[in-house]
Amino acid sequence: MHSRRGQSLIHDEIIDRYDRMLAELTDYIEQRDNPGTEPCHLRWMLSIIRDGYAGEKSHRWLGFIQGVMISTGITTVQAERDFTRPYFKRV
């Protein structure tokens, strides 16, 4: 599938899940030594992916978002593997 503006390469349910998880953070410690890893920035990245503006970068950006969320303890590799498997499974 080719990306074009207005069409995301990532399923909305994945984007919605991560957006909800990041929005619910109240005690998150800002990543001052790692600019671009704050929840507000990650949510911005999700909005760009959703709107189709990330294009071919969508999967790389999603991986970055997942990596930050996993490294900060928001979720786990296994939880995300289990959740996203049906969306990325090749038919």
PDB file of N, CA and C in Angstrom:
ATOM      1  N   MET A   1       0.849  -1.173   0.000  1.00  0.00           N
ATOM      2  CA  MET A   1       0.000   0.000   0.000  1.00  0.00           C
ATOM      3  C   MET A   1       0.894   1.235   0.000  1.00  0.00           C
ATOM      4  N   HIS A   2       0.607   2.152  -0.870  1.00  0.00           N
ATOM      5  CA  HIS A   2       1.354   3.402  -0.919  1.00  0.00           C
ATOM      6  C   HIS A   2       0.672   4.434  -0.042  1.00  0.00           C
ATOM      7  N   SER A   3       1.492   5.209   0.624  1.00  0.00           N
ATOM      8  CA  SER A   3       0.959   6.233   1.513  1.00  0.00           C
ATOM      9  C   SER A   3       0.650   7.499   0.729  1.00  0.00           C
ATOM     10  N   ARG A   4      -0.405   8.146   1.111  1.00  0.00           N
ATOM     11  CA  ARG A   4      -0.702   9.468   0.593  1.00  0.00           C
ATOM     12  C   ARG A   4      -1.323  10.252   1.730  1.00  0.00           C
ATOM     13  N   ARG A   5      -1.259  11.536   1.642  1.00  0.00           N
ATOM     14  CA  ARG A   5      -1.820  12.357   2.716  1.00  0.00           C
ATOM     15  C   ARG A   5      -3.276  11.994   2.938  1.00  0.00           C
ATOM     16  N   GLY A   6      -3.628  11.861   4.208  1.00  0.00           N
ATOM     17  CA  GLY A   6      -4.986  11.513   4.555  1.00  0.00           C
ATOM     18  C   GLY A   6      -5.223  10.022   4.681  1.00  0.00           C
ATOM     19  N   GLN A   7      -4.198   9.217   4.414  1.00  0.00           N
ATOM     20  CA  GLN A   7      -4.346   7.767   4.519  1.00  0.00           C
ATOM     21  C   GLN A   7      -3.166   7.210   5.321  1.00  0.00           C
ATOM     22  N   SER A   8      -3.466   6.695   6.497  1.00  0.00           N
ATOM     23  CA  SER A   8      -2.418   6.162   7.362  1.00  0.00           C
ATOM     24  C   SER A   8      -2.051   4.742   6.959  1.00  0.00           C
ATOM     25  N   LEU A   9      -0.779   4.405   7.140  1.00  0.00           N
ATOM     26  CA  LEU A   9      -0.324   3.038   6.904  1.00  0.00           C
ATOM     27  C   LEU A   9      -0.496   2.173   8.149  1.00  0.00           C
ATOM     28  N   ILE A  10      -0.823   2.790   9.263  1.00  0.00           N
ATOM     29  CA  ILE A  10      -0.978   2.102  10.542  1.00  0.00           C
ATOM     30  C   ILE A  10      -2.456   2.072  10.906  1.00  0.00           C
ATOM     31  N   HIS A  11      -2.920   0.937  11.357  1.00  0.00           N
ATOM     32  CA  HIS A  11      -4.335   0.771  11.707  1.00  0.00           C
ATOM     33  C   HIS A  11      -4.721   1.717  12.842  1.00  0.00           C
ATOM     34  N   ASP A  12      -5.912   2.312  12.732  1.00  0.00           N
ATOM     35  CA  ASP A  12      -6.389   3.280  13.728  1.00  0.00           C
ATOM     36  C   ASP A  12      -6.447   2.703  15.139  1.00  0.00           C
ATOM     37  N   GLU A  13      -6.749   1.425  15.290  1.00  0.00           N
ATOM     38  CA  GLU A  13      -6.842   0.843  16.636  1.00  0.00           C
ATOM     39  C   GLU A  13      -5.492   0.848  17.347  1.00  0.00           C
ATOM     40  N   ILE A  14      -4.420   0.695  16.603  1.00  0.00           N
ATOM     41  CA  ILE A  14      -3.078   0.755  17.198  1.00  0.00           C
ATOM     42  C   ILE A  14      -2.787   2.193  17.631  1.00  0.00           C
ATOM     43  N   ILE A  15      -3.053   3.137  16.756  1.00  0.00           N
ATOM     44  CA  ILE A  15      -2.820   4.540  17.071  1.00  0.00           C
ATOM     45  C   ILE A  15      -3.666   4.958  18.271  1.00  0.00           C
ATOM     46  N   ASP A  16      -4.940   4.558  18.273  1.00  0.00           N
ATOM     47  CA  ASP A  16      -5.834   4.900  19.390  1.00  0.00           C
ATOM     48  C   ASP A  16      -5.329   4.324  20.703  1.00  0.00           C
ATOM     49  N   ARG A  17      -4.852   3.093  20.679  1.00  0.00           N
ATOM     50  CA  ARG A  17      -4.335   2.448  21.905  1.00  0.00           C
ATOM     51  C   ARG A  17      -3.184   3.250  22.491  1.00  0.00           C
ATOM     52  N   TYR A  18      -2.205   3.587  21.651  1.00  0.00           N
ATOM     53  CA  TYR A  18      -1.031   4.298  22.139  1.00  0.00           C
ATOM     54  C   TYR A  18      -1.385   5.714  22.580  1.00  0.00           C
ATOM     55  N   ASP A  19      -2.287   6.353  21.857  1.00  0.00           N
ATOM     56  CA  ASP A  19      -2.696   7.695  22.237  1.00  0.00           C
ATOM     57  C   ASP A  19      -3.369   7.685  23.608  1.00  0.00           C
ATOM     58  N   ARG A  20      -4.243   6.707  23.844  1.00  0.00           N
ATOM     59  CA  ARG A  20      -4.906   6.587  25.159  1.00  0.00           C
ATOM     60  C   ARG A  20      -3.883   6.326  26.260  1.00  0.00           C
ATOM     61  N   MET A  21      -2.949   5.428  26.005  1.00  0.00           N
ATOM     62  CA  MET A  21      -1.943   5.095  27.010  1.00  0.00           C
ATOM     63  C   MET A  21      -1.110   6.320  27.369  1.00  0.00           C
ATOM     64  N   LEU A  22      -0.725   7.096  26.377  1.00  0.00           N
ATOM     65  CA  LEU A  22       0.089   8.287  26.629  1.00  0.00           C
ATOM     66  C   LEU A  22      -0.720   9.393  27.274  1.00  0.00           C
ATOM     67  N   ALA A  23      -1.990   9.519  26.897  1.00  0.00           N
ATOM     68  CA  ALA A  23      -2.851  10.570  27.462  1.00  0.00           C
ATOM     69  C   ALA A  23      -3.123  10.334  28.944  1.00  0.00           C
ATOM     70  N   GLU A  24      -3.112   9.076  29.373  1.00  0.00           N
ATOM     71  CA  GLU A  24      -3.429   8.742  30.754  1.00  0.00           C
ATOM     72  C   GLU A  24      -2.260   8.945  31.713  1.00  0.00           C
ATOM     73  N   LEU A  25      -1.104   9.278  31.199  1.00  0.00           N
ATOM     74  CA  LEU A  25       0.066   9.446  32.068  1.00  0.00           C
ATOM     75  C   LEU A  25      -0.055  10.713  32.891  1.00  0.00           C
ATOM     76  N   THR A  26       0.001  10.553  34.195  1.00  0.00           N
ATOM     77  CA  THR A  26      -0.050  11.722  35.077  1.00  0.00           C
ATOM     78  C   THR A  26       1.235  11.880  35.863  1.00  0.00           C
ATOM     79  N   ASP A  27       1.952  10.785  36.067  1.00  0.00           N
ATOM     80  CA  ASP A  27       3.168  10.856  36.878  1.00  0.00           C
ATOM     81  C   ASP A  27       4.411  10.594  36.038  1.00  0.00           C
ATOM     82  N   TYR A  28       4.322  10.858  34.761  1.00  0.00           N
ATOM     83  CA  TYR A  28       5.439  10.622  33.855  1.00  0.00           C
ATOM     84  C   TYR A  28       6.555  11.621  34.126  1.00  0.00           C
ATOM     85  N   ILE A  29       7.758  11.141  34.248  1.00  0.00           N
ATOM     86  CA  ILE A  29       8.918  12.005  34.442  1.00  0.00           C
ATOM     87  C   ILE A  29       9.404  12.457  33.069  1.00  0.00           C
ATOM     88  N   GLU A  30       9.508  13.750  32.888  1.00  0.00           N
ATOM     89  CA  GLU A  30       9.942  14.275  31.602  1.00  0.00           C
ATOM     90  C   GLU A  30      11.327  13.742  31.250  1.00  0.00           C
ATOM     91  N   GLN A  31      11.501  13.443  30.000  1.00  0.00           N
ATOM     92  CA  GLN A  31      12.774  12.940  29.493  1.00  0.00           C
ATOM     93  C   GLN A  31      13.619  14.126  29.018  1.00  0.00           C
ATOM     94  N   ARG A  32      14.081  14.928  29.944  1.00  0.00           N
ATOM     95  CA  ARG A  32      14.807  16.152  29.584  1.00  0.00           C
ATOM     96  C   ARG A  32      16.118  15.868  28.870  1.00  0.00           C
ATOM     97  N   ASP A  33      16.729  14.721  29.170  1.00  0.00           N
ATOM     98  CA  ASP A  33      17.976  14.374  28.497  1.00  0.00           C
ATOM     99  C   ASP A  33      17.738  13.761  27.133  1.00  0.00           C
ATOM    100  N   ASN A  34      16.488  13.456  26.829  1.00  0.00           N
ATOM    101  CA  ASN A  34      16.137  12.825  25.559  1.00  0.00           C
ATOM    102  C   ASN A  34      14.977  13.568  24.910  1.00  0.00           C
ATOM    103  N   PRO A  35      15.238  14.741  24.364  1.00  0.00           N
ATOM    104  CA  PRO A  35      14.147  15.493  23.741  1.00  0.00           C
ATOM    105  C   PRO A  35      13.438  14.647  22.686  1.00  0.00           C
ATOM    106  N   GLY A  36      12.139  14.816  22.607  1.00  0.00           N
ATOM    107  CA  GLY A  36      11.354  14.074  21.631  1.00  0.00           C
ATOM    108  C   GLY A  36      10.774  12.790  22.169  1.00  0.00           C
ATOM    109  N   THR A  37      11.031  12.507  23.455  1.00  0.00           N
ATOM    110  CA  THR A  37      10.481  11.289  24.049  1.00  0.00           C
ATOM    111  C   THR A  37       9.350  11.584  25.024  1.00  0.00           C
ATOM    112  N   GLU A  38       8.974  12.843  25.153  1.00  0.00           N
ATOM    113  CA  GLU A  38       7.886  13.220  26.051  1.00  0.00           C
ATOM    114  C   GLU A  38       6.556  12.721  25.487  1.00  0.00           C
ATOM    115  N   PRO A  39       5.593  12.387  26.370  1.00  0.00           N
ATOM    116  CA  PRO A  39       4.287  11.915  25.888  1.00  0.00           C
ATOM    117  C   PRO A  39       3.622  12.863  24.896  1.00  0.00           C
ATOM    118  N   CYS A  40       3.739  14.176  25.119  1.00  0.00           N
ATOM    119  CA  CYS A  40       3.094  15.117  24.197  1.00  0.00           C
ATOM    120  C   CYS A  40       3.706  15.023  22.803  1.00  0.00           C
ATOM    121  N   HIS A  41       5.018  14.798  22.726  1.00  0.00           N
ATOM    122  CA  HIS A  41       5.663  14.664  21.422  1.00  0.00           C
ATOM    123  C   HIS A  41       5.271  13.345  20.752  1.00  0.00           C
ATOM    124  N   LEU A  42       5.218  12.285  21.540  1.00  0.00           N
ATOM    125  CA  LEU A  42       4.823  10.990  20.988  1.00  0.00           C
ATOM    126  C   LEU A  42       3.388  11.040  20.474  1.00  0.00           C
ATOM    127  N   ARG A  43       2.517  11.747  21.194  1.00  0.00           N
ATOM    128  CA  ARG A  43       1.127  11.902  20.750  1.00  0.00           C
ATOM    129  C   ARG A  43       1.062  12.724  19.462  1.00  0.00           C
ATOM    130  N   TRP A  44       1.934  13.717  19.333  1.00  0.00           N
ATOM    131  CA  TRP A  44       2.006  14.497  18.095  1.00  0.00           C
ATOM    132  C   TRP A  44       2.413  13.579  16.944  1.00  0.00           C
ATOM    133  N   MET A  45       3.418  12.732  17.184  1.00  0.00           N
ATOM    134  CA  MET A  45       3.852  11.789  16.149  1.00  0.00           C
ATOM    135  C   MET A  45       2.696  10.883  15.728  1.00  0.00           C
ATOM    136  N   LEU A  46       1.921  10.409  16.706  1.00  0.00           N
ATOM    137  CA  LEU A  46       0.760   9.567  16.385  1.00  0.00           C
ATOM    138  C   LEU A  46      -0.246  10.320  15.522  1.00  0.00           C
ATOM    139  N   SER A  47      -0.453  11.598  15.800  1.00  0.00           N
ATOM    140  CA  SER A  47      -1.415  12.374  15.005  1.00  0.00           C
ATOM    141  C   SER A  47      -0.923  12.541  13.565  1.00  0.00           C
ATOM    142  N   ILE A  48       0.368  12.700  13.393  1.00  0.00           N
ATOM    143  CA  ILE A  48       0.937  12.815  12.044  1.00  0.00           C
ATOM    144  C   ILE A  48       0.794  11.493  11.306  1.00  0.00           C
ATOM    145  N   ILE A  49       1.032  10.386  12.004  1.00  0.00           N
ATOM    146  CA  ILE A  49       0.837   9.066  11.396  1.00  0.00           C
ATOM    147  C   ILE A  49      -0.621   8.885  11.000  1.00  0.00           C
ATOM    148  N   ARG A  50      -1.539   9.186  11.928  1.00  0.00           N
ATOM    149  CA  ARG A  50      -2.973   9.015  11.669  1.00  0.00           C
ATOM    150  C   ARG A  50      -3.423   9.801  10.435  1.00  0.00           C
ATOM    151  N   ASP A  51      -2.933  11.023  10.297  1.00  0.00           N
ATOM    152  CA  ASP A  51      -3.341  11.878   9.186  1.00  0.00           C
ATOM    153  C   ASP A  51      -2.667  11.507   7.869  1.00  0.00           C
ATOM    154  N   GLY A  52      -1.747  10.548   7.909  1.00  0.00           N
ATOM    155  CA  GLY A  52      -1.095  10.098   6.687  1.00  0.00           C
ATOM    156  C   GLY A  52       0.089  10.934   6.256  1.00  0.00           C
ATOM    157  N   TYR A  53       0.515  11.874   7.097  1.00  0.00           N
ATOM    158  CA  TYR A  53       1.615  12.758   6.708  1.00  0.00           C
ATOM    159  C   TYR A  53       3.001  12.151   6.956  1.00  0.00           C
ATOM    160  N   ALA A  54       3.084  11.074   7.720  1.00  0.00           N
ATOM    161  CA  ALA A  54       4.385  10.446   7.964  1.00  0.00           C
ATOM    162  C   ALA A  54       4.799   9.571   6.792  1.00  0.00           C
ATOM    163  N   GLY A  55       3.827   9.187   5.970  1.00  0.00           N
ATOM    164  CA  GLY A  55       4.120   8.393   4.774  1.00  0.00           C
ATOM    165  C   GLY A  55       4.890   7.129   5.099  1.00  0.00           C
ATOM    166  N   GLU A  56       5.948   6.926   4.345  1.00  0.00           N
ATOM    167  CA  GLU A  56       6.758   5.713   4.485  1.00  0.00           C
ATOM    168  C   GLU A  56       7.494   5.655   5.823  1.00  0.00           C
ATOM    169  N   LYS A  57       7.535   6.767   6.557  1.00  0.00           N
ATOM    170  CA  LYS A  57       8.177   6.787   7.875  1.00  0.00           C
ATOM    171  C   LYS A  57       7.265   6.218   8.962  1.00  0.00           C
ATOM    172  N   SER A  58       6.009   5.956   8.642  1.00  0.00           N
ATOM    173  CA  SER A  58       5.028   5.554   9.648  1.00  0.00           C
ATOM    174  C   SER A  58       5.480   4.383  10.503  1.00  0.00           C
ATOM    175  N   HIS A  59       5.990   3.330   9.879  1.00  0.00           N
ATOM    176  CA  HIS A  59       6.395   2.147  10.646  1.00  0.00           C
ATOM    177  C   HIS A  59       7.616   2.439  11.516  1.00  0.00           C
ATOM    178  N   ARG A  60       8.533   3.234  10.984  1.00  0.00           N
ATOM    179  CA  ARG A  60       9.709   3.610  11.776  1.00  0.00           C
ATOM    180  C   ARG A  60       9.293   4.459  12.969  1.00  0.00           C
ATOM    181  N   TRP A  61       8.394   5.407  12.759  1.00  0.00           N
ATOM    182  CA  TRP A  61       7.901   6.244  13.854  1.00  0.00           C
ATOM    183  C   TRP A  61       7.153   5.402  14.873  1.00  0.00           C
ATOM    184  N   LEU A  62       6.320   4.469  14.410  1.00  0.00           N
ATOM    185  CA  LEU A  62       5.591   3.608  15.336  1.00  0.00           C
ATOM    186  C   LEU A  62       6.577   2.808  16.183  1.00  0.00           C
ATOM    187  N   GLY A  63       7.629   2.280  15.573  1.00  0.00           N
ATOM    188  CA  GLY A  63       8.647   1.547  16.313  1.00  0.00           C
ATOM    189  C   GLY A  63       9.333   2.409  17.360  1.00  0.00           C
ATOM    190  N   PHE A  64       9.598   3.668  17.013  1.00  0.00           N
ATOM    191  CA  PHE A  64      10.197   4.601  17.970  1.00  0.00           C
ATOM    192  C   PHE A  64       9.260   4.806  19.155  1.00  0.00           C
ATOM    193  N   ILE A  65       7.987   5.067  18.865  1.00  0.00           N
ATOM    194  CA  ILE A  65       6.993   5.280  19.919  1.00  0.00           C
ATOM    195  C   ILE A  65       6.900   4.045  20.814  1.00  0.00           C
ATOM    196  N   GLN A  66       6.830   2.875  20.207  1.00  0.00           N
ATOM    197  CA  GLN A  66       6.773   1.638  20.985  1.00  0.00           C
ATOM    198  C   GLN A  66       8.026   1.482  21.842  1.00  0.00           C
ATOM    199  N   GLY A  67       9.185   1.768  21.273  1.00  0.00           N
ATOM    200  CA  GLY A  67      10.442   1.639  22.004  1.00  0.00           C
ATOM    201  C   GLY A  67      10.498   2.533  23.231  1.00  0.00           C
ATOM    202  N   VAL A  68      10.062   3.780  23.070  1.00  0.00           N
ATOM    203  CA  VAL A  68      10.037   4.704  24.209  1.00  0.00           C
ATOM    204  C   VAL A  68       9.057   4.201  25.265  1.00  0.00           C
ATOM    205  N   MET A  69       7.880   3.779  24.819  1.00  0.00           N
ATOM    206  CA  MET A  69       6.865   3.315  25.768  1.00  0.00           C
ATOM    207  C   MET A  69       7.333   2.066  26.514  1.00  0.00           C
ATOM    208  N   ILE A  70       8.051   1.199  25.843  1.00  0.00           N
ATOM    209  CA  ILE A  70       8.561  -0.017  26.483  1.00  0.00           C
ATOM    210  C   ILE A  70       9.723   0.322  27.418  1.00  0.00           C
ATOM    211  N   SER A  71      10.648   1.168  26.968  1.00  0.00           N
ATOM    212  CA  SER A  71      11.825   1.485  27.792  1.00  0.00           C
ATOM    213  C   SER A  71      11.468   2.284  29.036  1.00  0.00           C
ATOM    214  N   THR A  72      10.331   2.983  29.019  1.00  0.00           N
ATOM    215  CA  THR A  72       9.910   3.741  30.189  1.00  0.00           C
ATOM    216  C   THR A  72       8.904   2.984  31.043  1.00  0.00           C
ATOM    217  N   GLY A  73       8.601   1.752  30.677  1.00  0.00           N
ATOM    218  CA  GLY A  73       7.728   0.913  31.500  1.00  0.00           C
ATOM    219  C   GLY A  73       6.243   1.123  31.292  1.00  0.00           C
ATOM    220  N   ILE A  74       5.859   1.849  30.253  1.00  0.00           N
ATOM    221  CA  ILE A  74       4.445   2.085  29.983  1.00  0.00           C
ATOM    222  C   ILE A  74       3.766   0.807  29.499  1.00  0.00           C
ATOM    223  N   THR A  75       4.513  -0.009  28.758  1.00  0.00           N
ATOM    224  CA  THR A  75       4.008  -1.280  28.245  1.00  0.00           C
ATOM    225  C   THR A  75       5.189  -2.233  28.118  1.00  0.00           C
ATOM    226  N   THR A  76       4.922  -3.419  27.593  1.00  0.00           N
ATOM    227  CA  THR A  76       5.986  -4.416  27.435  1.00  0.00           C
ATOM    228  C   THR A  76       6.047  -4.893  25.984  1.00  0.00           C
ATOM    229  N   VAL A  77       7.172  -5.483  25.637  1.00  0.00           N
ATOM    230  CA  VAL A  77       7.325  -6.045  24.299  1.00  0.00           C
ATOM    231  C   VAL A  77       6.249  -7.097  24.056  1.00  0.00           C
ATOM    232  N   GLN A  78       6.047  -7.985  25.017  1.00  0.00           N
ATOM    233  CA  GLN A  78       5.074  -9.061  24.840  1.00  0.00           C
ATOM    234  C   GLN A  78       3.654  -8.522  24.677  1.00  0.00           C
ATOM    235  N   ALA A  79       3.278  -7.524  25.473  1.00  0.00           N
ATOM    236  CA  ALA A  79       1.934  -6.955  25.364  1.00  0.00           C
ATOM    237  C   ALA A  79       1.704  -6.357  23.980  1.00  0.00           C
ATOM    238  N   GLU A  80       2.692  -5.652  23.461  1.00  0.00           N
ATOM    239  CA  GLU A  80       2.529  -5.026  22.146  1.00  0.00           C
ATOM    240  C   GLU A  80       2.625  -6.037  21.021  1.00  0.00           C
ATOM    241  N   ARG A  81       3.455  -7.038  21.189  1.00  0.00           N
ATOM    242  CA  ARG A  81       3.524  -8.113  20.195  1.00  0.00           C
ATOM    243  C   ARG A  81       2.154  -8.788  20.094  1.00  0.00           C
ATOM    244  N   ASP A  82       1.559  -9.094  21.231  1.00  0.00           N
ATOM    245  CA  ASP A  82       0.250  -9.752  21.242  1.00  0.00           C
ATOM    246  C   ASP A  82      -0.841  -8.858  20.655  1.00  0.00           C
ATOM    247  N   PHE A  83      -0.802  -7.570  20.984  1.00  0.00           N
ATOM    248  CA  PHE A  83      -1.839  -6.658  20.498  1.00  0.00           C
ATOM    249  C   PHE A  83      -1.727  -6.397  18.994  1.00  0.00           C
ATOM    250  N   THR A  84      -0.524  -6.146  18.508  1.00  0.00           N
ATOM    251  CA  THR A  84      -0.353  -5.738  17.112  1.00  0.00           C
ATOM    252  C   THR A  84      -0.269  -6.898  16.126  1.00  0.00           C
ATOM    253  N   ARG A  85      -0.010  -8.092  16.597  1.00  0.00           N
ATOM    254  CA  ARG A  85       0.159  -9.246  15.692  1.00  0.00           C
ATOM    255  C   ARG A  85      -0.967  -9.360  14.666  1.00  0.00           C
ATOM    256  N   PRO A  86      -2.242  -9.286  15.064  1.00  0.00           N
ATOM    257  CA  PRO A  86      -3.305  -9.431  14.056  1.00  0.00           C
ATOM    258  C   PRO A  86      -3.294  -8.328  12.985  1.00  0.00           C
ATOM    259  N   TYR A  87      -2.783  -7.167  13.315  1.00  0.00           N
ATOM    260  CA  TYR A  87      -2.785  -6.058  12.367  1.00  0.00           C
ATOM    261  C   TYR A  87      -1.646  -6.142  11.351  1.00  0.00           C
ATOM    262  N   PHE A  88      -0.563  -6.790  11.743  1.00  0.00           N
ATOM    263  CA  PHE A  88       0.602  -6.856  10.864  1.00  0.00           C
ATOM    264  C   PHE A  88       0.798  -8.241  10.248  1.00  0.00           C
ATOM    265  N   LYS A  89      -0.051  -9.189  10.599  1.00  0.00           N
ATOM    266  CA  LYS A  89       0.074 -10.547  10.069  1.00  0.00           C
ATOM    267  C   LYS A  89      -0.187 -10.531   8.581  1.00  0.00           C
ATOM    268  N   ARG A  90       0.715 -11.117   7.850  1.00  0.00           N
ATOM    269  CA  ARG A  90       0.554 -11.188   6.385  1.00  0.00           C
ATOM    270  C   ARG A  90      -0.410 -12.314   6.048  1.00  0.00           C
ATOM    271  N   VAL A  91      -1.249 -12.033   5.080  1.00  0.00           N
ATOM    272  CA  VAL A  91      -2.249 -13.028   4.656  1.00  0.00           C
ATOM    273  C   VAL A  91      -1.731 -13.787   3.480  1.00  0.00           C
TER     274      VAL A  91
END
